[in-house]
PDB file of N, CA and C in Angstrom:
ATOM      1  N   MET A   1       0.741  -0.972   0.110  1.00  0.00           N
ATOM      2  CA  MET A   1       0.407  -0.086   0.158  1.00  0.00           C
ATOM      3  C   MET A   1       0.898   0.855  -0.089  1.00  0.00           C
ATOM      4  N   ALA A   2       0.339   2.355  -0.923  1.00  0.00           N
ATOM      5  CA  ALA A   2       1.175   3.662  -0.760  1.00  0.00           C
ATOM      6  C   ALA A   2       1.246   4.108   0.228  1.00  0.00           C
ATOM      7  N   ARG A   3       2.258   4.985   0.879  1.00  0.00           N
ATOM      8  CA  ARG A   3       1.802   6.444   1.917  1.00  0.00           C
ATOM      9  C   ARG A   3       1.005   7.088   1.358  1.00  0.00           C
ATOM     10  N   LYS A   4       0.530   8.016   2.195  1.00  0.00           N
ATOM     11  CA  LYS A   4      -0.483   9.217   2.355  1.00  0.00           C
ATOM     12  C   LYS A   4       0.744  10.282   1.768  1.00  0.00           C
ATOM     13  N   GLY A   5       0.657  10.911   0.441  1.00  0.00           N
ATOM     14  CA  GLY A   5       0.701  11.528  -0.292  1.00  0.00           C
ATOM     15  C   GLY A   5       1.789  11.293  -1.208  1.00  0.00           C
ATOM     16  N   SER A   6       1.873  10.200  -1.676  1.00  0.00           N
ATOM     17  CA  SER A   6       2.923   9.396  -2.726  1.00  0.00           C
ATOM     18  C   SER A   6       2.483   9.367  -3.715  1.00  0.00           C
ATOM     19  N   LYS A   7       2.696   9.458  -5.099  1.00  0.00           N
ATOM     20  CA  LYS A   7       2.587   9.026  -6.384  1.00  0.00           C
ATOM     21  C   LYS A   7       1.646   7.892  -6.057  1.00  0.00           C
ATOM     22  N   HIS A   8       1.155   7.925  -7.213  1.00  0.00           N
ATOM     23  CA  HIS A   8       0.219   6.290  -7.875  1.00  0.00           C
ATOM     24  C   HIS A   8       1.108   5.528  -8.234  1.00  0.00           C
ATOM     25  N   GLN A   9       1.091   4.327  -8.391  1.00  0.00           N
ATOM     26  CA  GLN A   9       1.589   3.177  -9.195  1.00  0.00           C
ATOM     27  C   GLN A   9       1.339   3.670 -10.604  1.00  0.00           C
ATOM     28  N   TYR A  10       2.598   3.622 -11.747  1.00  0.00           N
ATOM     29  CA  TYR A  10       2.185   3.635 -12.852  1.00  0.00           C
ATOM     30  C   TYR A  10       1.486   2.232 -13.309  1.00  0.00           C
ATOM     31  N   LYS A  11       0.086   3.256 -13.867  1.00  0.00           N
ATOM     32  CA  LYS A  11      -0.597   1.544 -14.837  1.00  0.00           C
ATOM     33  C   LYS A  11      -1.068   2.291 -16.756  1.00  0.00           C
ATOM     34  N   PRO A  12      -0.530   0.894 -17.307  1.00  0.00           N
ATOM     35  CA  PRO A  12      -0.654   1.000 -18.505  1.00  0.00           C
ATOM     36  C   PRO A  12      -1.930   1.546 -18.901  1.00  0.00           C
ATOM     37  N   LYS A  13      -2.314   2.234 -20.204  1.00  0.00           N
ATOM     38  CA  LYS A  13      -3.300   2.591 -20.841  1.00  0.00           C
ATOM     39  C   LYS A  13      -4.385   1.566 -21.692  1.00  0.00           C
ATOM     40  N   LYS A  14      -5.431   1.323 -21.401  1.00  0.00           N
ATOM     41  CA  LYS A  14      -6.115   0.102 -22.424  1.00  0.00           C
ATOM     42  C   LYS A  14      -5.961   0.996 -23.682  1.00  0.00           C
ATOM     43  N   GLU A  15      -5.897   0.655 -24.462  1.00  0.00           N
ATOM     44  CA  GLU A  15      -6.465   1.334 -25.745  1.00  0.00           C
ATOM     45  C   GLU A  15      -7.169  -0.074 -26.572  1.00  0.00           C
ATOM     46  N   TYR A  16      -8.228   0.235 -27.194  1.00  0.00           N
ATOM     47  CA  TYR A  16      -8.741  -0.535 -27.682  1.00  0.00           C
ATOM     48  C   TYR A  16      -9.016   0.210 -29.450  1.00  0.00           C
ATOM     49  N   ARG A  17      -9.184  -1.274 -30.056  1.00  0.00           N
ATOM     50  CA  ARG A  17      -8.937  -1.202 -31.898  1.00  0.00           C
ATOM     51  C   ARG A  17     -10.524  -1.576 -32.548  1.00  0.00           C
ATOM     52  N   TYR A  18     -10.891  -0.432 -33.138  1.00  0.00           N
ATOM     53  CA  TYR A  18     -11.677  -1.064 -33.784  1.00  0.00           C
ATOM     54  C   TYR A  18     -11.897  -1.103 -35.800  1.00  0.00           C
ATOM     55  N   THR A  19     -12.352  -1.543 -36.586  1.00  0.00           N
ATOM     56  CA  THR A  19     -12.032  -1.908 -37.740  1.00  0.00           C
ATOM     57  C   THR A  19     -13.594  -1.516 -38.721  1.00  0.00           C
ATOM     58  N   VAL A  20     -13.332  -1.278 -39.809  1.00  0.00           N
ATOM     59  CA  VAL A  20     -14.083  -0.865 -41.043  1.00  0.00           C
ATOM     60  C   VAL A  20     -15.281  -2.683 -40.542  1.00  0.00           C
ATOM     61  N   LYS A  21     -14.763  -3.271 -40.489  1.00  0.00           N
ATOM     62  CA  LYS A  21     -15.568  -4.205 -40.864  1.00  0.00           C
ATOM     63  C   LYS A  21     -16.089  -4.681 -39.510  1.00  0.00           C
ATOM     64  N   ASP A  22     -15.754  -4.245 -38.318  1.00  0.00           N
ATOM     65  CA  ASP A  22     -16.663  -4.347 -37.173  1.00  0.00           C
ATOM     66  C   ASP A  22     -17.500  -3.941 -36.782  1.00  0.00           C
ATOM     67  N   ILE A  23     -17.216  -2.284 -37.491  1.00  0.00           N
ATOM     68  CA  ILE A  23     -18.972  -1.120 -37.455  1.00  0.00           C
ATOM     69  C   ILE A  23     -19.649  -1.817 -38.325  1.00  0.00           C
ATOM     70  N   ALA A  24     -19.149  -2.490 -39.496  1.00  0.00           N
ATOM     71  CA  ALA A  24     -20.535  -2.733 -40.406  1.00  0.00           C
ATOM     72  C   ALA A  24     -21.207  -3.433 -39.897  1.00  0.00           C
ATOM     73  N   GLN A  25     -20.596  -4.971 -39.325  1.00  0.00           N
ATOM     74  CA  GLN A  25     -21.294  -6.542 -38.764  1.00  0.00           C
ATOM     75  C   GLN A  25     -22.304  -5.617 -37.516  1.00  0.00           C
ATOM     76  N   LEU A  26     -21.337  -4.431 -37.089  1.00  0.00           N
ATOM     77  CA  LEU A  26     -22.199  -4.198 -35.538  1.00  0.00           C
ATOM     78  C   LEU A  26     -23.334  -3.895 -35.644  1.00  0.00           C
ATOM     79  N   ALA A  27     -23.243  -2.936 -37.194  1.00  0.00           N
ATOM     80  CA  ALA A  27     -24.599  -2.523 -37.983  1.00  0.00           C
ATOM     81  C   ALA A  27     -25.662  -3.006 -38.493  1.00  0.00           C
ATOM     82  N   GLY A  28     -24.648  -4.368 -38.483  1.00  0.00           N
ATOM     83  CA  GLY A  28     -25.642  -5.655 -40.152  1.00  0.00           C
ATOM     84  C   GLY A  28     -26.034  -4.785 -40.780  1.00  0.00           C
ATOM     85  N   MET A  29     -24.746  -4.266 -41.385  1.00  0.00           N
ATOM     86  CA  MET A  29     -24.935  -3.876 -42.879  1.00  0.00           C
ATOM     87  C   MET A  29     -23.250  -4.895 -43.880  1.00  0.00           C
ATOM     88  N   THR A  30     -23.387  -4.690 -44.913  1.00  0.00           N
ATOM     89  CA  THR A  30     -22.143  -4.668 -45.563  1.00  0.00           C
ATOM     90  C   THR A  30     -20.882  -3.944 -45.220  1.00  0.00           C
ATOM     91  N   ARG A  31     -19.788  -4.162 -45.660  1.00  0.00           N
ATOM     92  CA  ARG A  31     -18.551  -3.117 -45.850  1.00  0.00           C
ATOM     93  C   ARG A  31     -19.002  -1.545 -46.977  1.00  0.00           C
ATOM     94  N   SER A  32     -19.469  -2.399 -47.727  1.00  0.00           N
ATOM     95  CA  SER A  32     -19.344  -1.160 -49.408  1.00  0.00           C
ATOM     96  C   SER A  32     -20.927  -0.610 -48.970  1.00  0.00           C
ATOM     97  N   ALA A  33     -21.735  -1.219 -48.383  1.00  0.00           N
ATOM     98  CA  ALA A  33     -23.278  -0.265 -47.169  1.00  0.00           C
ATOM     99  C   ALA A  33     -22.365   0.907 -46.268  1.00  0.00           C
ATOM    100  N   LEU A  34     -21.721   1.097 -45.828  1.00  0.00           N
ATOM    101  CA  LEU A  34     -20.665   1.459 -44.478  1.00  0.00           C
ATOM    102  C   LEU A  34     -20.349   2.670 -45.443  1.00  0.00           C
ATOM    103  N   SER A  35     -19.715   1.937 -46.487  1.00  0.00           N
ATOM    104  CA  SER A  35     -18.663   3.416 -46.917  1.00  0.00           C
ATOM    105  C   SER A  35     -19.725   4.419 -47.990  1.00  0.00           C
ATOM    106  N   VAL A  36     -21.028   3.703 -47.935  1.00  0.00           N
ATOM    107  CA  VAL A  36     -21.721   4.426 -48.606  1.00  0.00           C
ATOM    108  C   VAL A  36     -22.288   5.610 -47.836  1.00  0.00           C
ATOM    109  N   ALA A  37     -22.670   5.104 -46.596  1.00  0.00           N
ATOM    110  CA  ALA A  37     -23.166   5.788 -45.305  1.00  0.00           C
ATOM    111  C   ALA A  37     -21.782   6.664 -44.850  1.00  0.00           C
ATOM    112  N   LYS A  38     -20.727   6.300 -44.894  1.00  0.00           N
ATOM    113  CA  LYS A  38     -19.585   7.095 -45.149  1.00  0.00           C
ATOM    114  C   LYS A  38     -19.312   8.312 -45.908  1.00  0.00           C
ATOM    115  N   VAL A  39     -19.545   8.003 -47.151  1.00  0.00           N
ATOM    116  CA  VAL A  39     -19.573   9.486 -48.294  1.00  0.00           C
ATOM    117  C   VAL A  39     -21.012  10.621 -47.891  1.00  0.00           C
ATOM    118  N   ARG A  40     -21.799   9.951 -47.291  1.00  0.00           N
ATOM    119  CA  ARG A  40     -22.965  10.806 -47.104  1.00  0.00           C
ATOM    120  C   ARG A  40     -22.702  11.394 -45.966  1.00  0.00           C
ATOM    121  N   GLY A  41     -22.017  11.239 -45.297  1.00  0.00           N
ATOM    122  CA  GLY A  41     -21.406  12.007 -43.935  1.00  0.00           C
ATOM    123  C   GLY A  41     -22.231  11.387 -42.880  1.00  0.00           C
ATOM    124  N   LYS A  42     -23.068  10.263 -43.064  1.00  0.00           N
ATOM    125  CA  LYS A  42     -23.287  10.001 -41.646  1.00  0.00           C
ATOM    126  C   LYS A  42     -22.684   8.915 -40.545  1.00  0.00           C
ATOM    127  N   VAL A  43     -21.448   8.894 -41.165  1.00  0.00           N
ATOM    128  CA  VAL A  43     -20.625   8.423 -39.951  1.00  0.00           C
ATOM    129  C   VAL A  43     -19.126   8.667 -40.307  1.00  0.00           C
ATOM    130  N   ASP A  44     -18.363   8.869 -39.520  1.00  0.00           N
ATOM    131  CA  ASP A  44     -17.099   8.937 -39.465  1.00  0.00           C
ATOM    132  C   ASP A  44     -16.053   8.266 -38.941  1.00  0.00           C
ATOM    133  N   PRO A  45     -15.410   7.364 -39.514  1.00  0.00           N
ATOM    134  CA  PRO A  45     -15.013   5.998 -38.828  1.00  0.00           C
ATOM    135  C   PRO A  45     -13.471   6.257 -37.767  1.00  0.00           C
ATOM    136  N   GLY A  46     -13.480   7.431 -37.976  1.00  0.00           N
ATOM    137  CA  GLY A  46     -11.843   7.967 -37.383  1.00  0.00           C
ATOM    138  C   GLY A  46     -12.238   8.265 -36.171  1.00  0.00           C
ATOM    139  N   ASP A  47     -13.700   9.020 -35.892  1.00  0.00           N
ATOM    140  CA  ASP A  47     -14.930   9.420 -34.742  1.00  0.00           C
ATOM    141  C   ASP A  47     -15.395   8.562 -34.025  1.00  0.00           C
ATOM    142  N   PHE A  48     -14.599   8.402 -33.096  1.00  0.00           N
ATOM    143  CA  PHE A  48     -15.673   7.684 -31.881  1.00  0.00           C
ATOM    144  C   PHE A  48     -16.850   7.850 -31.584  1.00  0.00           C
ATOM    145  N   ARG A  49     -16.983   9.347 -31.071  1.00  0.00           N
ATOM    146  CA  ARG A  49     -18.379   9.496 -30.908  1.00  0.00           C
ATOM    147  C   ARG A  49     -19.575   9.499 -32.545  1.00  0.00           C
ATOM    148  N   SER A  50     -19.006   9.515 -33.068  1.00  0.00           N
ATOM    149  CA  SER A  50     -20.069   9.227 -34.263  1.00  0.00           C
ATOM    150  C   SER A  50     -20.183   7.861 -34.577  1.00  0.00           C
ATOM    151  N   VAL A  51     -19.665   7.217 -34.374  1.00  0.00           N
ATOM    152  CA  VAL A  51     -19.533   5.348 -34.673  1.00  0.00           C
ATOM    153  C   VAL A  51     -20.264   5.577 -33.473  1.00  0.00           C
ATOM    154  N   VAL A  52     -20.042   5.496 -32.723  1.00  0.00           N
ATOM    155  CA  VAL A  52     -21.531   5.037 -31.423  1.00  0.00           C
ATOM    156  C   VAL A  52     -22.473   5.670 -31.873  1.00  0.00           C
ATOM    157  N   SER A  53     -22.943   7.338 -31.822  1.00  0.00           N
ATOM    158  CA  SER A  53     -23.931   7.521 -32.661  1.00  0.00           C
ATOM    159  C   SER A  53     -24.780   6.916 -33.934  1.00  0.00           C
ATOM    160  N   PHE A  54     -23.837   6.263 -34.792  1.00  0.00           N
ATOM    161  CA  PHE A  54     -23.665   5.933 -35.685  1.00  0.00           C
ATOM    162  C   PHE A  54     -24.492   4.166 -35.654  1.00  0.00           C
ATOM    163  N   LEU A  55     -23.931   3.337 -34.702  1.00  0.00           N
ATOM    164  CA  LEU A  55     -23.985   2.030 -34.163  1.00  0.00           C
ATOM    165  C   LEU A  55     -25.899   2.171 -33.690  1.00  0.00           C
ATOM    166  N   THR A  56     -26.289   3.175 -32.943  1.00  0.00           N
ATOM    167  CA  THR A  56     -27.349   3.393 -31.558  1.00  0.00           C
ATOM    168  C   THR A  56     -28.111   2.791 -32.934  1.00  0.00           C
ATOM    169  N   ARG A  57     -28.107   4.173 -33.644  1.00  0.00           N
ATOM    170  CA  ARG A  57     -28.985   4.893 -34.878  1.00  0.00           C
ATOM    171  C   ARG A  57     -29.669   3.737 -35.590  1.00  0.00           C
ATOM    172  N   ALA A  58     -28.750   3.219 -36.327  1.00  0.00           N
ATOM    173  CA  ALA A  58     -28.796   1.739 -36.644  1.00  0.00           C
ATOM    174  C   ALA A  58     -29.396   1.024 -35.790  1.00  0.00           C
ATOM    175  N   ILE A  59     -28.520  -0.142 -34.609  1.00  0.00           N
ATOM    176  CA  ILE A  59     -29.355  -0.799 -34.234  1.00  0.00           C
ATOM    177  C   ILE A  59     -30.911  -0.842 -33.862  1.00  0.00           C
ATOM    178  N   MET A  60     -31.548   0.834 -33.199  1.00  0.00           N
ATOM    179  CA  MET A  60     -32.691   1.301 -32.427  1.00  0.00           C
ATOM    180  C   MET A  60     -33.306   1.100 -33.880  1.00  0.00           C
ATOM    181  N   GLU A  61     -33.326   1.519 -35.012  1.00  0.00           N
ATOM    182  CA  GLU A  61     -34.175   1.082 -36.640  1.00  0.00           C
ATOM    183  C   GLU A  61     -34.312  -0.041 -36.669  1.00  0.00           C
ATOM    184  N   ARG A  62     -33.060  -0.886 -36.495  1.00  0.00           N
ATOM    185  CA  ARG A  62     -33.408  -2.135 -36.519  1.00  0.00           C
ATOM    186  C   ARG A  62     -34.575  -2.636 -35.877  1.00  0.00           C
ATOM    187  N   ARG A  63     -34.748  -2.011 -34.671  1.00  0.00           N
ATOM    188  CA  ARG A  63     -35.588  -2.817 -33.740  1.00  0.00           C
ATOM    189  C   ARG A  63     -36.953  -2.274 -33.816  1.00  0.00           C
ATOM    190  N   LEU A  64     -36.659  -1.056 -34.119  1.00  0.00           N
ATOM    191  CA  LEU A  64     -38.410  -0.577 -34.581  1.00  0.00           C
ATOM    192  C   LEU A  64     -38.979  -0.651 -36.136  1.00  0.00           C
ATOM    193  N   SER A  65     -38.510  -0.987 -36.917  1.00  0.00           N
ATOM    194  CA  SER A  65     -38.726  -1.747 -37.878  1.00  0.00           C
ATOM    195  C   SER A  65     -40.037  -3.005 -37.271  1.00  0.00           C
ATOM    196  N   GLY A  66     -39.773  -3.680 -36.356  1.00  0.00           N
ATOM    197  CA  GLY A  66     -40.310  -4.293 -35.896  1.00  0.00           C
ATOM    198  C   GLY A  66     -40.187  -5.867 -35.521  1.00  0.00           C
ATOM    199  N   ASP A  67     -38.561  -6.080 -35.501  1.00  0.00           N
ATOM    200  CA  ASP A  67     -37.696  -6.828 -35.314  1.00  0.00           C
ATOM    201  C   ASP A  67     -37.513  -6.733 -33.942  1.00  0.00           C
ATOM    202  N   LEU A  68     -37.863  -6.706 -32.975  1.00  0.00           N
ATOM    203  CA  LEU A  68     -37.934  -6.123 -31.571  1.00  0.00           C
ATOM    204  C   LEU A  68     -36.779  -7.130 -30.600  1.00  0.00           C
ATOM    205  N   PHE A  69     -36.456  -8.312 -31.904  1.00  0.00           N
ATOM    206  CA  PHE A  69     -34.994  -9.238 -30.797  1.00  0.00           C
ATOM    207  C   PHE A  69     -33.908  -9.191 -31.845  1.00  0.00           C
ATOM    208  N   ALA A  70     -33.860  -8.100 -32.583  1.00  0.00           N
ATOM    209  CA  ALA A  70     -32.748  -8.537 -33.392  1.00  0.00           C
ATOM    210  C   ALA A  70     -31.741  -8.599 -32.960  1.00  0.00           C
ATOM    211  N   PRO A  71     -30.443  -8.978 -32.861  1.00  0.00           N
ATOM    212  CA  PRO A  71     -29.535  -9.146 -32.133  1.00  0.00           C
ATOM    213  C   PRO A  71     -28.512  -8.103 -32.724  1.00  0.00           C
ATOM    214  N   ALA A  72     -27.741  -7.182 -31.964  1.00  0.00           N
ATOM    215  CA  ALA A  72     -27.023  -6.029 -32.268  1.00  0.00           C
ATOM    216  C   ALA A  72     -25.626  -6.704 -33.530  1.00  0.00           C
ATOM    217  N   ALA A  73     -25.695  -7.718 -33.839  1.00  0.00           N
ATOM    218  CA  ALA A  73     -24.280  -8.280 -34.389  1.00  0.00           C
ATOM    219  C   ALA A  73     -25.145 -10.034 -35.399  1.00  0.00           C
ATOM    220  N   PRO A  74     -24.332 -10.126 -36.289  1.00  0.00           N
ATOM    221  CA  PRO A  74     -25.387 -11.134 -36.591  1.00  0.00           C
ATOM    222  C   PRO A  74     -24.293 -12.501 -35.792  1.00  0.00           C
ATOM    223  N   VAL A  75     -25.633 -13.422 -35.778  1.00  0.00           N
ATOM    224  CA  VAL A  75     -25.080 -14.352 -34.524  1.00  0.00           C
ATOM    225  C   VAL A  75     -23.953 -15.495 -35.294  1.00  0.00           C
ATOM    226  N   ALA A  76     -24.361 -16.288 -36.840  1.00  0.00           N
ATOM    227  CA  ALA A  76     -23.250 -16.631 -37.136  1.00  0.00           C
ATOM    228  C   ALA A  76     -22.802 -16.088 -38.361  1.00  0.00           C
ATOM    229  N   LYS A  77     -21.545 -16.633 -38.694  1.00  0.00           N
ATOM    230  CA  LYS A  77     -21.122 -16.355 -39.892  1.00  0.00           C
ATOM    231  C   LYS A  77     -21.469 -17.016 -41.197  1.00  0.00           C
ATOM    232  N   ARG A  78     -21.433 -16.503 -42.436  1.00  0.00           N
ATOM    233  CA  ARG A  78     -21.846 -17.297 -43.575  1.00  0.00           C
ATOM    234  C   ARG A  78     -20.482 -18.094 -43.959  1.00  0.00           C
ATOM    235  N   GLY A  79     -20.774 -19.284 -45.354  1.00  0.00           N
ATOM    236  CA  GLY A  79     -20.313 -20.040 -45.037  1.00  0.00           C
ATOM    237  C   GLY A  79     -19.629 -20.037 -46.592  1.00  0.00           C
ATOM    238  N   GLY A  80     -18.522 -20.107 -46.838  1.00  0.00           N
ATOM    239  CA  GLY A  80     -18.513 -20.077 -48.234  1.00  0.00           C
ATOM    240  C   GLY A  80     -17.298 -18.635 -48.309  1.00  0.00           C
ATOM    241  N   LYS A  81     -16.692 -18.662 -49.834  1.00  0.00           N
ATOM    242  CA  LYS A  81     -15.427 -17.307 -50.123  1.00  0.00           C
ATOM    243  C   LYS A  81     -16.173 -16.610 -50.505  1.00  0.00           C
ATOM    244  N   ALA A  82     -15.539 -15.194 -50.001  1.00  0.00           N
ATOM    245  CA  ALA A  82     -16.063 -14.325 -50.344  1.00  0.00           C
ATOM    246  C   ALA A  82     -16.037 -14.032 -52.038  1.00  0.00           C
ATOM    247  N   GLY A  83     -17.064 -13.349 -52.957  1.00  0.00           N
ATOM    248  CA  GLY A  83     -17.206 -13.389 -54.124  1.00  0.00           C
ATOM    249  C   GLY A  83     -17.332 -14.680 -54.748  1.00  0.00           C
ATOM    250  N   SER A  84     -17.429 -16.047 -54.000  1.00  0.00           N
ATOM    251  CA  SER A  84     -17.593 -16.948 -55.003  1.00  0.00           C
ATOM    252  C   SER A  84     -19.052 -17.251 -55.357  1.00  0.00           C
ATOM    253  N   GLN A  85     -19.124 -17.362 -56.669  1.00  0.00           N
ATOM    254  CA  GLN A  85     -20.278 -17.307 -57.348  1.00  0.00           C
ATOM    255  C   GLN A  85     -20.703 -18.850 -58.310  1.00  0.00           C
ATOM    256  N   VAL A  86     -21.924 -19.781 -58.018  1.00  0.00           N
ATOM    257  CA  VAL A  86     -22.328 -20.415 -58.857  1.00  0.00           C
ATOM    258  C   VAL A  86     -22.644 -20.126 -60.000  1.00  0.00           C
ATOM    259  N   SER A  87     -22.575 -20.357 -60.929  1.00  0.00           N
ATOM    260  CA  SER A  87     -22.712 -20.252 -62.494  1.00  0.00           C
ATOM    261  C   SER A  87     -23.916 -21.212 -63.103  1.00  0.00           C
ATOM    262  N   ARG A  88     -24.923 -21.185 -63.153  1.00  0.00           N
ATOM    263  CA  ARG A  88     -26.210 -21.770 -64.115  1.00  0.00           C
ATOM    264  C   ARG A  88     -25.797 -22.354 -65.032  1.00  0.00           C
ATOM    265  N   LYS A  89     -24.226 -22.079 -65.865  1.00  0.00           N
ATOM    266  CA  LYS A  89     -24.170 -22.727 -67.086  1.00  0.00           C
ATOM    267  C   LYS A  89     -23.938 -24.027 -67.100  1.00  0.00           C
ATOM    268  N   ARG A  90     -24.166 -24.913 -68.532  1.00  0.00           N
ATOM    269  CA  ARG A  90     -23.612 -26.217 -68.001  1.00  0.00           C
ATOM    270  C   ARG A  90     -22.657 -26.250 -68.514  1.00  0.00           C
ATOM    271  N   PRO A  91     -21.612 -27.097 -67.718  1.00  0.00           N
ATOM    272  CA  PRO A  91     -19.875 -27.128 -68.934  1.00  0.00           C
ATOM    273  C   PRO A  91     -20.217 -28.321 -69.870  1.00  0.00           C
ATOM    274  N   LYS A  92     -19.204 -27.694 -70.482  1.00  0.00           N
ATOM    275  CA  LYS A  92     -19.236 -27.998 -72.137  1.00  0.00           C
ATOM    276  C   LYS A  92     -19.253 -29.863 -71.906  1.00  0.00           C
ATOM    277  N   LYS A  93     -19.351 -29.873 -73.153  1.00  0.00           N
ATOM    278  CA  LYS A  93     -18.969 -31.566 -73.150  1.00  0.00           C
ATOM    279  C   LYS A  93     -17.895 -32.051 -73.783  1.00  0.00           C
ATOM    280  N   ALA A  94     -16.990 -32.615 -73.590  1.00  0.00           N
ATOM    281  CA  ALA A  94     -15.416 -32.770 -73.539  1.00  0.00           C
ATOM    282  C   ALA A  94     -15.505 -33.314 -74.872  1.00  0.00           C
ATOM    283  N   VAL A  95     -15.094 -33.458 -75.959  1.00  0.00           N
ATOM    284  CA  VAL A  95     -14.711 -33.560 -77.247  1.00  0.00           C
ATOM    285  C   VAL A  95     -13.885 -34.720 -77.150  1.00  0.00           C
ATOM    286  N   ARG A  96     -14.171 -35.895 -77.302  1.00  0.00           N
ATOM    287  CA  ARG A  96     -12.557 -36.834 -77.453  1.00  0.00           C
ATOM    288  C   ARG A  96     -12.533 -37.140 -79.198  1.00  0.00           C
ATOM    289  N   ARG A  97     -11.568 -36.994 -79.125  1.00  0.00           N
ATOM    290  CA  ARG A  97     -10.605 -37.172 -80.193  1.00  0.00           C
ATOM    291  C   ARG A  97      -9.763 -38.324 -80.312  1.00  0.00           C
ATOM    292  N   ARG A  98     -10.012 -39.502 -81.630  1.00  0.00           N
ATOM    293  CA  ARG A  98      -9.220 -40.651 -82.135  1.00  0.00           C
ATOM    294  C   ARG A  98      -7.988 -40.450 -82.776  1.00  0.00           C
TER     295      ARG A  98
END
């Protein structure tokens, strides 16, 4: 225990980090939709106060739209690779040459 009148012990400050992907996931939108909101001036990812107010509005809008028990973030991740699509075209038949 420190003596009366002495300085407090040094405690390292905690640092928290978030990415655009984290913000989009919490808001329940894609990263491209978040970039549109960023261009329109609805959110500034560099300003924490702006991010908090944007997430609060996004979550409240979803809950007020009728889904009262909407999770704040998606519960499960989607499977598959990003950008992979299944083509509905039939593969060409292999031509056998003798």
